[in-house]
Amino acid sequence: MYLVLPSELNTDVLLLSLPSSFDPFVVNFNMNKLDPSLEELVNMLVTFESTIKKEKSVLYVGSSSGTKTGPPGKGKKRSFQRPKKSEPLKRQTPSPIVAAAPAKAEKTVDVCHHCKKPGHWRRNCREYLAQKGSGKGDGKK
């Protein structure tokens, strides 16, 4: 003897049995008042599950200790000690391979793509900024 359940009851039982990670799907399903068959609903759930797995969850783990004493950053020792400003940095002598390399040509001068003058870029060009501010842009963004 078989018990036949209406399709709406089957859908409701299936949606209520889902874990909380499917809550956005259930809300969307109820808001759009979809009426798919049971097989179509299962296919929709499988598709939604694949999109959940693609998203990476962000987890922040804080300190579990109670209150901390003292100002933050005090009492911590760094493994790397920066040299004092009065001490000059020591440079290693170049290896023979590096010394044999030809010297690089003169440093290139930055040229503005707007006014074609050296010494600055277009984003810092006074002419370009004035033109852009007045609404007479050249169409580039």
C-alpha atoms as a PDB file:
ATOM      1  CA  MET A   1       0.000   0.000   0.000  1.00  0.00           C
ATOM      2  CA  TYR A   2       1.453   3.353  -1.070  1.00  0.00           C
ATOM      3  CA  LEU A   3       0.799   6.792   0.244  1.00  0.00           C
ATOM      4  CA  VAL A   4       0.716   9.486  -2.420  1.00  0.00           C
ATOM      5  CA  LEU A   5       1.735  12.953  -1.248  1.00  0.00           C
ATOM      6  CA  PRO A   6       0.843  16.118  -3.127  1.00  0.00           C
ATOM      7  CA  SER A   7       3.740  17.733  -5.002  1.00  0.00           C
ATOM      8  CA  GLU A   8       3.558  20.895  -2.837  1.00  0.00           C
ATOM      9  CA  LEU A   9       4.025  18.824   0.308  1.00  0.00           C
ATOM     10  CA  ASN A  10       6.981  16.988  -1.243  1.00  0.00           C
ATOM     11  CA  THR A  11       8.605  20.316  -2.103  1.00  0.00           C
ATOM     12  CA  ASP A  12       7.993  21.735   1.369  1.00  0.00           C
ATOM     13  CA  VAL A  13       9.408  18.659   3.111  1.00  0.00           C
ATOM     14  CA  LEU A  14      12.488  18.748   0.912  1.00  0.00           C
ATOM     15  CA  LEU A  15      13.093  22.468   1.501  1.00  0.00           C
ATOM     16  CA  LEU A  16      12.615  22.118   5.262  1.00  0.00           C
ATOM     17  CA  SER A  17      15.123  19.267   5.424  1.00  0.00           C
ATOM     18  CA  LEU A  18      17.942  21.374   3.928  1.00  0.00           C
ATOM     19  CA  PRO A  19      20.784  22.689   6.132  1.00  0.00           C
ATOM     20  CA  SER A  20      21.094  26.406   6.921  1.00  0.00           C
ATOM     21  CA  SER A  21      23.635  26.939   4.130  1.00  0.00           C
ATOM     22  CA  PHE A  22      20.717  26.604   1.677  1.00  0.00           C
ATOM     23  CA  ASP A  23      18.691  29.412   3.313  1.00  0.00           C
ATOM     24  CA  PRO A  24      19.329  31.880   0.441  1.00  0.00           C
ATOM     25  CA  PHE A  25      18.026  29.296  -2.016  1.00  0.00           C
ATOM     26  CA  VAL A  26      14.890  28.663   0.060  1.00  0.00           C
ATOM     27  CA  VAL A  27      14.182  32.397   0.354  1.00  0.00           C
ATOM     28  CA  ASN A  28      14.633  32.876  -3.388  1.00  0.00           C
ATOM     29  CA  PHE A  29      12.450  29.843  -4.105  1.00  0.00           C
ATOM     30  CA  ASN A  30       9.630  31.129  -1.898  1.00  0.00           C
ATOM     31  CA  MET A  31       9.898  34.750  -3.117  1.00  0.00           C
ATOM     32  CA  ASN A  32       9.627  33.736  -6.779  1.00  0.00           C
ATOM     33  CA  LYS A  33       6.876  31.207  -6.053  1.00  0.00           C
ATOM     34  CA  LEU A  34       8.443  28.572  -8.274  1.00  0.00           C
ATOM     35  CA  ASP A  35       6.537  25.366  -8.953  1.00  0.00           C
ATOM     36  CA  PRO A  36       9.013  22.865 -10.425  1.00  0.00           C
ATOM     37  CA  SER A  37       8.717  19.110 -10.381  1.00  0.00           C
ATOM     38  CA  LEU A  38      10.652  17.180  -7.753  1.00  0.00           C
ATOM     39  CA  GLU A  39      13.410  16.282 -10.227  1.00  0.00           C
ATOM     40  CA  GLU A  40      13.787  19.894 -11.363  1.00  0.00           C
ATOM     41  CA  LEU A  41      14.002  21.024  -7.731  1.00  0.00           C
ATOM     42  CA  VAL A  42      16.779  18.528  -7.017  1.00  0.00           C
ATOM     43  CA  ASN A  43      18.671  19.772 -10.105  1.00  0.00           C
ATOM     44  CA  MET A  44      18.267  23.365  -8.909  1.00  0.00           C
ATOM     45  CA  LEU A  45      19.615  22.388  -5.483  1.00  0.00           C
ATOM     46  CA  VAL A  46      22.633  20.653  -7.011  1.00  0.00           C
ATOM     47  CA  THR A  47      23.395  23.776  -9.072  1.00  0.00           C
ATOM     48  CA  PHE A  48      23.079  26.004  -5.992  1.00  0.00           C
ATOM     49  CA  GLU A  49      25.327  23.667  -4.003  1.00  0.00           C
ATOM     50  CA  SER A  50      28.050  23.959  -6.645  1.00  0.00           C
ATOM     51  CA  THR A  51      27.919  27.765  -6.391  1.00  0.00           C
ATOM     52  CA  ILE A  52      28.218  27.561  -2.592  1.00  0.00           C
ATOM     53  CA  LYS A  53      31.369  25.447  -2.869  1.00  0.00           C
ATOM     54  CA  LYS A  54      32.977  27.952  -5.270  1.00  0.00           C
ATOM     55  CA  GLU A  55      32.656  30.793  -2.759  1.00  0.00           C
ATOM     56  CA  LYS A  56      35.404  30.996  -0.182  1.00  0.00           C
ATOM     57  CA  SER A  57      34.317  31.697   3.335  1.00  0.00           C
ATOM     58  CA  VAL A  58      36.269  34.195   5.362  1.00  0.00           C
ATOM     59  CA  LEU A  59      37.036  33.229   8.917  1.00  0.00           C
ATOM     60  CA  TYR A  60      38.472  35.628  11.429  1.00  0.00           C
ATOM     61  CA  VAL A  61      39.997  34.053  14.499  1.00  0.00           C
ATOM     62  CA  GLY A  62      40.557  36.471  17.336  1.00  0.00           C
ATOM     63  CA  SER A  63      42.452  36.074  20.533  1.00  0.00           C
ATOM     64  CA  SER A  64      40.711  33.904  23.093  1.00  0.00           C
ATOM     65  CA  SER A  65      42.526  35.410  26.048  1.00  0.00           C
ATOM     66  CA  GLY A  66      40.794  37.859  28.340  1.00  0.00           C
ATOM     67  CA  THR A  67      41.993  41.398  28.795  1.00  0.00           C
ATOM     68  CA  LYS A  68      45.496  42.358  27.848  1.00  0.00           C
ATOM     69  CA  THR A  69      47.626  44.545  30.052  1.00  0.00           C
ATOM     70  CA  GLY A  70      49.694  47.426  28.781  1.00  0.00           C
ATOM     71  CA  PRO A  71      49.564  49.372  25.564  1.00  0.00           C
ATOM     72  CA  PRO A  72      49.454  47.385  22.319  1.00  0.00           C
ATOM     73  CA  GLY A  73      52.785  46.648  20.719  1.00  0.00           C
ATOM     74  CA  LYS A  74      54.806  46.950  23.913  1.00  0.00           C
ATOM     75  CA  GLY A  75      56.755  43.956  25.111  1.00  0.00           C
ATOM     76  CA  LYS A  76      56.994  42.379  21.672  1.00  0.00           C
ATOM     77  CA  LYS A  77      60.498  41.804  20.385  1.00  0.00           C
ATOM     78  CA  ARG A  78      61.273  41.869  16.724  1.00  0.00           C
ATOM     79  CA  SER A  79      63.572  39.342  15.198  1.00  0.00           C
ATOM     80  CA  PHE A  80      64.852  41.879  12.666  1.00  0.00           C
ATOM     81  CA  GLN A  81      66.563  44.960  14.034  1.00  0.00           C
ATOM     82  CA  ARG A  82      66.775  47.909  11.680  1.00  0.00           C
ATOM     83  CA  PRO A  83      70.102  49.704  11.591  1.00  0.00           C
ATOM     84  CA  LYS A  84      70.210  53.122  13.211  1.00  0.00           C
ATOM     85  CA  LYS A  85      70.267  56.143  10.943  1.00  0.00           C
ATOM     86  CA  SER A  86      73.721  57.139  12.117  1.00  0.00           C
ATOM     87  CA  GLU A  87      75.163  53.821  10.937  1.00  0.00           C
ATOM     88  CA  PRO A  88      75.683  53.647   7.158  1.00  0.00           C
ATOM     89  CA  LEU A  89      74.419  50.563   5.401  1.00  0.00           C
ATOM     90  CA  LYS A  90      77.145  48.105   4.494  1.00  0.00           C
ATOM     91  CA  ARG A  91      77.174  47.088   0.888  1.00  0.00           C
ATOM     92  CA  GLN A  92      78.704  43.935  -0.379  1.00  0.00           C
ATOM     93  CA  THR A  93      81.255  44.136  -3.123  1.00  0.00           C
ATOM     94  CA  PRO A  94      79.781  43.004  -6.419  1.00  0.00           C
ATOM     95  CA  SER A  95      80.668  39.575  -7.666  1.00  0.00           C
ATOM     96  CA  PRO A  96      82.827  39.306 -10.809  1.00  0.00           C
ATOM     97  CA  ILE A  97      79.805  38.306 -12.874  1.00  0.00           C
ATOM     98  CA  VAL A  98      77.903  41.441 -11.949  1.00  0.00           C
ATOM     99  CA  ALA A  99      80.959  43.656 -12.460  1.00  0.00           C
ATOM    100  CA  ALA A 100      81.399  42.276 -15.992  1.00  0.00           C
ATOM    101  CA  ALA A 101      77.846  43.282 -16.959  1.00  0.00           C
ATOM    102  CA  PRO A 102      77.681  46.456 -19.080  1.00  0.00           C
ATOM    103  CA  ALA A 103      76.522  49.601 -17.308  1.00  0.00           C
ATOM    104  CA  LYS A 104      72.894  50.454 -17.912  1.00  0.00           C
ATOM    105  CA  ALA A 105      72.165  53.375 -20.198  1.00  0.00           C
ATOM    106  CA  GLU A 106      70.976  56.708 -18.853  1.00  0.00           C
ATOM    107  CA  LYS A 107      67.727  56.566 -16.870  1.00  0.00           C
ATOM    108  CA  THR A 108      64.687  57.190 -19.042  1.00  0.00           C
ATOM    109  CA  VAL A 109      62.856  60.453 -18.486  1.00  0.00           C
ATOM    110  CA  ASP A 110      59.109  60.269 -17.868  1.00  0.00           C
ATOM    111  CA  VAL A 111      57.130  62.053 -20.565  1.00  0.00           C
ATOM    112  CA  CYS A 112      53.538  63.228 -20.175  1.00  0.00           C
ATOM    113  CA  HIS A 113      51.210  61.598 -22.717  1.00  0.00           C
ATOM    114  CA  HIS A 114      48.998  64.704 -22.726  1.00  0.00           C
ATOM    115  CA  CYS A 115      51.350  67.675 -23.170  1.00  0.00           C
ATOM    116  CA  LYS A 116      54.432  65.667 -24.280  1.00  0.00           C
ATOM    117  CA  LYS A 117      56.654  67.510 -21.774  1.00  0.00           C
ATOM    118  CA  PRO A 118      59.179  65.532 -19.698  1.00  0.00           C
ATOM    119  CA  GLY A 119      59.196  65.382 -15.935  1.00  0.00           C
ATOM    120  CA  HIS A 120      55.667  64.257 -15.061  1.00  0.00           C
ATOM    121  CA  TRP A 121      52.888  61.857 -15.994  1.00  0.00           C
ATOM    122  CA  ARG A 122      49.481  62.624 -17.408  1.00  0.00           C
ATOM    123  CA  ARG A 123      47.727  62.043 -14.095  1.00  0.00           C
ATOM    124  CA  ASN A 124      49.876  64.867 -12.619  1.00  0.00           C
ATOM    125  CA  CYS A 125      49.734  67.166 -15.656  1.00  0.00           C
ATOM    126  CA  ARG A 126      48.341  70.601 -14.770  1.00  0.00           C
ATOM    127  CA  GLU A 127      46.990  71.157 -18.279  1.00  0.00           C
ATOM    128  CA  TYR A 128      45.215  67.782 -18.288  1.00  0.00           C
ATOM    129  CA  LEU A 129      43.745  68.281 -14.831  1.00  0.00           C
ATOM    130  CA  ALA A 130      42.511  71.769 -15.743  1.00  0.00           C
ATOM    131  CA  GLN A 131      40.972  70.440 -18.941  1.00  0.00           C
ATOM    132  CA  LYS A 132      39.415  67.495 -17.132  1.00  0.00           C
ATOM    133  CA  GLY A 133      38.006  69.748 -14.414  1.00  0.00           C
ATOM    134  CA  SER A 134      36.371  72.072 -16.955  1.00  0.00           C
ATOM    135  CA  GLY A 135      34.560  69.135 -18.622  1.00  0.00           C
ATOM    136  CA  LYS A 136      36.550  69.243 -21.866  1.00  0.00           C
ATOM    137  CA  GLY A 137      38.117  65.789 -21.455  1.00  0.00           C
ATOM    138  CA  ASP A 138      39.663  63.975 -24.363  1.00  0.00           C
ATOM    139  CA  GLY A 139      37.231  61.060 -23.981  1.00  0.00           C
ATOM    140  CA  LYS A 140      39.694  58.731 -22.246  1.00  0.00           C
ATOM    141  CA  LYS A 141      38.979  57.358 -18.822  1.00  0.00           C
END
